[in-house]
Amino acid sequence: MSLICYSTDRKISVDQFIDLLKRSTLAERRPVQDHVRIEKMLMHANILITAWDGDLLVGISRALSDFAFCCYLSDLAVDENYQHKGIGKELINKTHEVANEQDAQLILLAAPKAVNYYPKIGMEQFKECFVIRRKS
């Protein structure tokens, strides 16, 4: 593994995003078979931080923010071969920084396999979260 480079403005394709989701296991909970929906997910996120090992996309943070009060981190995916190297934590930190960390609170719903990860990097767990599930 070489030096990981992070970017806030490097565009990625739908296929690159799907490939990373599969390499991170997040594809289990994302509509990777629906290219149009994945394209909309990328198009409408207003914060996209990527992590690269050369030309290989190894991590991504995809978020929605108002840059004043809250930032919802919708996707945090790191290639399984690159996990446990601080990439996820750095993606979260950069996402919060871009979202205006002084005023905006970063919020996420943890994937079942990642529930124990977030407290280890200093995130506080809340029981007061509520969800209305998608209809499809």
C-alpha atoms as a PDB file:
ATOM      1  CA  MET A   1       0.000   0.000   0.000  1.00  0.00           C
ATOM      2  CA  SER A   2       1.362   3.385  -0.979  1.00  0.00           C
ATOM      3  CA  LEU A   3       0.436   6.790   0.381  1.00  0.00           C
ATOM      4  CA  ILE A   4      -3.335   7.303   0.446  1.00  0.00           C
ATOM      5  CA  CYS A   5      -4.474  10.538  -1.205  1.00  0.00           C
ATOM      6  CA  TYR A   6      -7.781  12.163  -0.279  1.00  0.00           C
ATOM      7  CA  SER A   7      -9.833  14.319  -2.612  1.00  0.00           C
ATOM      8  CA  THR A   8     -12.892  16.532  -2.290  1.00  0.00           C
ATOM      9  CA  ASP A   9     -13.261  17.203  -5.993  1.00  0.00           C
ATOM     10  CA  ARG A  10     -12.243  14.072  -7.886  1.00  0.00           C
ATOM     11  CA  LYS A  11     -15.227  12.737  -9.823  1.00  0.00           C
ATOM     12  CA  ILE A  12     -15.984   9.037  -9.774  1.00  0.00           C
ATOM     13  CA  SER A  13     -18.118   6.913 -12.049  1.00  0.00           C
ATOM     14  CA  VAL A  14     -21.122   4.843 -11.042  1.00  0.00           C
ATOM     15  CA  ASP A  15     -19.083   1.714 -11.808  1.00  0.00           C
ATOM     16  CA  GLN A  16     -16.200   2.847  -9.581  1.00  0.00           C
ATOM     17  CA  PHE A  17     -18.640   3.514  -6.729  1.00  0.00           C
ATOM     18  CA  ILE A  18     -20.344   0.130  -7.135  1.00  0.00           C
ATOM     19  CA  ASP A  19     -16.985  -1.642  -7.303  1.00  0.00           C
ATOM     20  CA  LEU A  20     -15.888  -0.011  -4.034  1.00  0.00           C
ATOM     21  CA  LEU A  21     -19.209  -0.808  -2.361  1.00  0.00           C
ATOM     22  CA  LYS A  22     -18.651  -4.462  -3.255  1.00  0.00           C
ATOM     23  CA  ARG A  23     -15.045  -4.426  -2.024  1.00  0.00           C
ATOM     24  CA  SER A  24     -16.181  -2.896   1.272  1.00  0.00           C
ATOM     25  CA  THR A  25     -19.224  -5.162   1.894  1.00  0.00           C
ATOM     26  CA  LEU A  26     -21.509  -2.089   1.916  1.00  0.00           C
ATOM     27  CA  ALA A  27     -23.039  -3.473  -1.299  1.00  0.00           C
ATOM     28  CA  GLU A  28     -25.059  -5.794   0.936  1.00  0.00           C
ATOM     29  CA  ARG A  29     -27.181  -2.765   1.892  1.00  0.00           C
ATOM     30  CA  ARG A  30     -27.019  -0.625  -1.243  1.00  0.00           C
ATOM     31  CA  PRO A  31     -28.911  -0.968  -4.569  1.00  0.00           C
ATOM     32  CA  VAL A  32     -25.792  -1.856  -6.583  1.00  0.00           C
ATOM     33  CA  GLN A  33     -27.874  -3.588  -9.266  1.00  0.00           C
ATOM     34  CA  ASP A  34     -29.694  -0.300 -10.014  1.00  0.00           C
ATOM     35  CA  HIS A  35     -27.258   1.966 -11.895  1.00  0.00           C
ATOM     36  CA  VAL A  36     -29.790   4.794 -12.227  1.00  0.00           C
ATOM     37  CA  ARG A  37     -30.392   4.906  -8.478  1.00  0.00           C
ATOM     38  CA  ILE A  38     -26.662   4.759  -7.696  1.00  0.00           C
ATOM     39  CA  GLU A  39     -26.108   7.589 -10.180  1.00  0.00           C
ATOM     40  CA  LYS A  40     -28.732   9.691  -8.356  1.00  0.00           C
ATOM     41  CA  MET A  41     -27.052   8.907  -5.043  1.00  0.00           C
ATOM     42  CA  LEU A  42     -23.768  10.274  -6.370  1.00  0.00           C
ATOM     43  CA  MET A  43     -25.345  13.224  -8.181  1.00  0.00           C
ATOM     44  CA  HIS A  44     -27.305  14.531  -5.202  1.00  0.00           C
ATOM     45  CA  ALA A  45     -24.715  14.155  -2.455  1.00  0.00           C
ATOM     46  CA  ASN A  46     -23.237  17.565  -1.748  1.00  0.00           C
ATOM     47  CA  ILE A  47     -20.123  16.218  -0.006  1.00  0.00           C
ATOM     48  CA  LEU A  48     -18.068  13.473  -1.590  1.00  0.00           C
ATOM     49  CA  ILE A  49     -14.654  12.658  -0.150  1.00  0.00           C
ATOM     50  CA  THR A  50     -12.624   9.942  -1.858  1.00  0.00           C
ATOM     51  CA  ALA A  51      -9.495   8.028  -0.834  1.00  0.00           C
ATOM     52  CA  TRP A  52      -7.104   6.769  -3.497  1.00  0.00           C
ATOM     53  CA  ASP A  53      -4.151   4.421  -3.641  1.00  0.00           C
ATOM     54  CA  GLY A  54      -2.734   5.616  -6.939  1.00  0.00           C
ATOM     55  CA  ASP A  55      -5.606   5.224  -9.413  1.00  0.00           C
ATOM     56  CA  LEU A  56      -7.516   2.757  -7.219  1.00  0.00           C
ATOM     57  CA  LEU A  57     -10.516   4.114  -5.304  1.00  0.00           C
ATOM     58  CA  VAL A  58     -10.132   2.586  -1.820  1.00  0.00           C
ATOM     59  CA  GLY A  59     -12.524   4.678   0.257  1.00  0.00           C
ATOM     60  CA  ILE A  60     -15.438   7.068   0.045  1.00  0.00           C
ATOM     61  CA  SER A  61     -17.555   9.253   2.262  1.00  0.00           C
ATOM     62  CA  ARG A  62     -20.831  10.406   0.717  1.00  0.00           C
ATOM     63  CA  ALA A  63     -22.825  12.960   2.689  1.00  0.00           C
ATOM     64  CA  LEU A  64     -25.614  15.537   2.629  1.00  0.00           C
ATOM     65  CA  SER A  65     -25.194  18.768   4.562  1.00  0.00           C
ATOM     66  CA  ASP A  66     -26.715  22.199   5.048  1.00  0.00           C
ATOM     67  CA  PHE A  67     -23.228  23.401   6.190  1.00  0.00           C
ATOM     68  CA  ALA A  68     -24.768  25.195   9.161  1.00  0.00           C
ATOM     69  CA  PHE A  69     -26.478  22.717  11.472  1.00  0.00           C
ATOM     70  CA  CYS A  70     -26.207  19.093  10.358  1.00  0.00           C
ATOM     71  CA  CYS A  71     -24.405  16.716   8.055  1.00  0.00           C
ATOM     72  CA  TYR A  72     -25.777  13.254   7.342  1.00  0.00           C
ATOM     73  CA  LEU A  73     -23.021  10.819   6.428  1.00  0.00           C
ATOM     74  CA  SER A  74     -24.903   8.381   4.233  1.00  0.00           C
ATOM     75  CA  ASP A  75     -22.077   6.151   3.000  1.00  0.00           C
ATOM     76  CA  LEU A  76     -18.700   5.369   4.484  1.00  0.00           C
ATOM     77  CA  ALA A  77     -17.013   2.600   2.536  1.00  0.00           C
ATOM     78  CA  VAL A  78     -13.421   1.392   2.691  1.00  0.00           C
ATOM     79  CA  ASP A  79     -12.065  -1.491   0.640  1.00  0.00           C
ATOM     80  CA  GLU A  80     -11.715  -4.487   2.996  1.00  0.00           C
ATOM     81  CA  ASN A  81      -8.026  -4.780   2.027  1.00  0.00           C
ATOM     82  CA  TYR A  82      -7.466  -1.216   3.279  1.00  0.00           C
ATOM     83  CA  GLN A  83      -9.482  -1.335   6.504  1.00  0.00           C
ATOM     84  CA  HIS A  84      -7.861  -0.836   9.942  1.00  0.00           C
ATOM     85  CA  LYS A  85      -5.437   1.734   8.520  1.00  0.00           C
ATOM     86  CA  GLY A  86      -7.230   4.935   9.595  1.00  0.00           C
ATOM     87  CA  ILE A  87      -8.824   5.631   6.197  1.00  0.00           C
ATOM     88  CA  GLY A  88     -12.420   5.558   7.484  1.00  0.00           C
ATOM     89  CA  LYS A  89     -11.587   7.872  10.375  1.00  0.00           C
ATOM     90  CA  GLU A  90      -9.824  10.291   8.041  1.00  0.00           C
ATOM     91  CA  LEU A  91     -12.772  10.261   5.617  1.00  0.00           C
ATOM     92  CA  ILE A  92     -15.123  11.085   8.526  1.00  0.00           C
ATOM     93  CA  ASN A  93     -12.862  13.897   9.748  1.00  0.00           C
ATOM     94  CA  LYS A  94     -12.580  15.413   6.277  1.00  0.00           C
ATOM     95  CA  THR A  95     -16.348  15.139   5.767  1.00  0.00           C
ATOM     96  CA  HIS A  96     -17.030  16.942   9.037  1.00  0.00           C
ATOM     97  CA  GLU A  97     -14.442  19.594   8.176  1.00  0.00           C
ATOM     98  CA  VAL A  98     -16.024  20.279   4.773  1.00  0.00           C
ATOM     99  CA  ALA A  99     -19.503  20.366   6.368  1.00  0.00           C
ATOM    100  CA  ASN A 100     -18.398  23.149   8.766  1.00  0.00           C
ATOM    101  CA  GLU A 101     -17.364  21.223  11.861  1.00  0.00           C
ATOM    102  CA  GLN A 102     -17.736  24.315  14.053  1.00  0.00           C
ATOM    103  CA  ASP A 103     -21.501  24.489  13.520  1.00  0.00           C
ATOM    104  CA  ALA A 104     -22.660  21.294  11.810  1.00  0.00           C
ATOM    105  CA  GLN A 105     -23.193  18.086  13.723  1.00  0.00           C
ATOM    106  CA  LEU A 106     -22.210  14.910  11.847  1.00  0.00           C
ATOM    107  CA  ILE A 107     -24.838  12.158  11.993  1.00  0.00           C
ATOM    108  CA  LEU A 108     -24.853   8.632  10.579  1.00  0.00           C
ATOM    109  CA  LEU A 109     -26.732   5.364  10.758  1.00  0.00           C
ATOM    110  CA  ALA A 110     -24.229   2.568  11.311  1.00  0.00           C
ATOM    111  CA  ALA A 111     -24.229  -0.534   9.188  1.00  0.00           C
ATOM    112  CA  PRO A 112     -24.713  -3.573  11.440  1.00  0.00           C
ATOM    113  CA  LYS A 113     -21.123  -4.736  10.874  1.00  0.00           C
ATOM    114  CA  ALA A 114     -19.773  -1.286  11.827  1.00  0.00           C
ATOM    115  CA  VAL A 115     -21.706  -0.590  15.038  1.00  0.00           C
ATOM    116  CA  ASN A 116     -18.664  -1.237  17.218  1.00  0.00           C
ATOM    117  CA  TYR A 117     -16.313   0.801  15.006  1.00  0.00           C
ATOM    118  CA  TYR A 118     -17.729   4.280  15.518  1.00  0.00           C
ATOM    119  CA  PRO A 119     -17.349   4.510  19.315  1.00  0.00           C
ATOM    120  CA  LYS A 120     -13.682   3.486  18.895  1.00  0.00           C
ATOM    121  CA  ILE A 121     -13.028   6.609  16.832  1.00  0.00           C
ATOM    122  CA  GLY A 122     -14.769   8.931  19.265  1.00  0.00           C
ATOM    123  CA  MET A 123     -18.332   9.032  17.993  1.00  0.00           C
ATOM    124  CA  GLU A 124     -21.163   9.107  20.500  1.00  0.00           C
ATOM    125  CA  GLN A 125     -24.026   6.640  20.151  1.00  0.00           C
ATOM    126  CA  PHE A 126     -27.614   7.831  20.574  1.00  0.00           C
ATOM    127  CA  LYS A 127     -30.711   5.745  21.162  1.00  0.00           C
ATOM    128  CA  GLU A 128     -33.049   8.559  20.090  1.00  0.00           C
ATOM    129  CA  CYS A 129     -32.790   7.872  16.371  1.00  0.00           C
ATOM    130  CA  PHE A 130     -35.988   7.240  14.410  1.00  0.00           C
ATOM    131  CA  VAL A 131     -36.439   5.946  10.879  1.00  0.00           C
ATOM    132  CA  ILE A 132     -39.257   5.720   8.371  1.00  0.00           C
ATOM    133  CA  ARG A 133     -38.215   2.873   6.081  1.00  0.00           C
ATOM    134  CA  ARG A 134     -38.287   3.274   2.315  1.00  0.00           C
ATOM    135  CA  LYS A 135     -41.308   1.784   0.608  1.00  0.00           C
ATOM    136  CA  SER A 136     -39.395  -0.037  -2.143  1.00  0.00           C
END
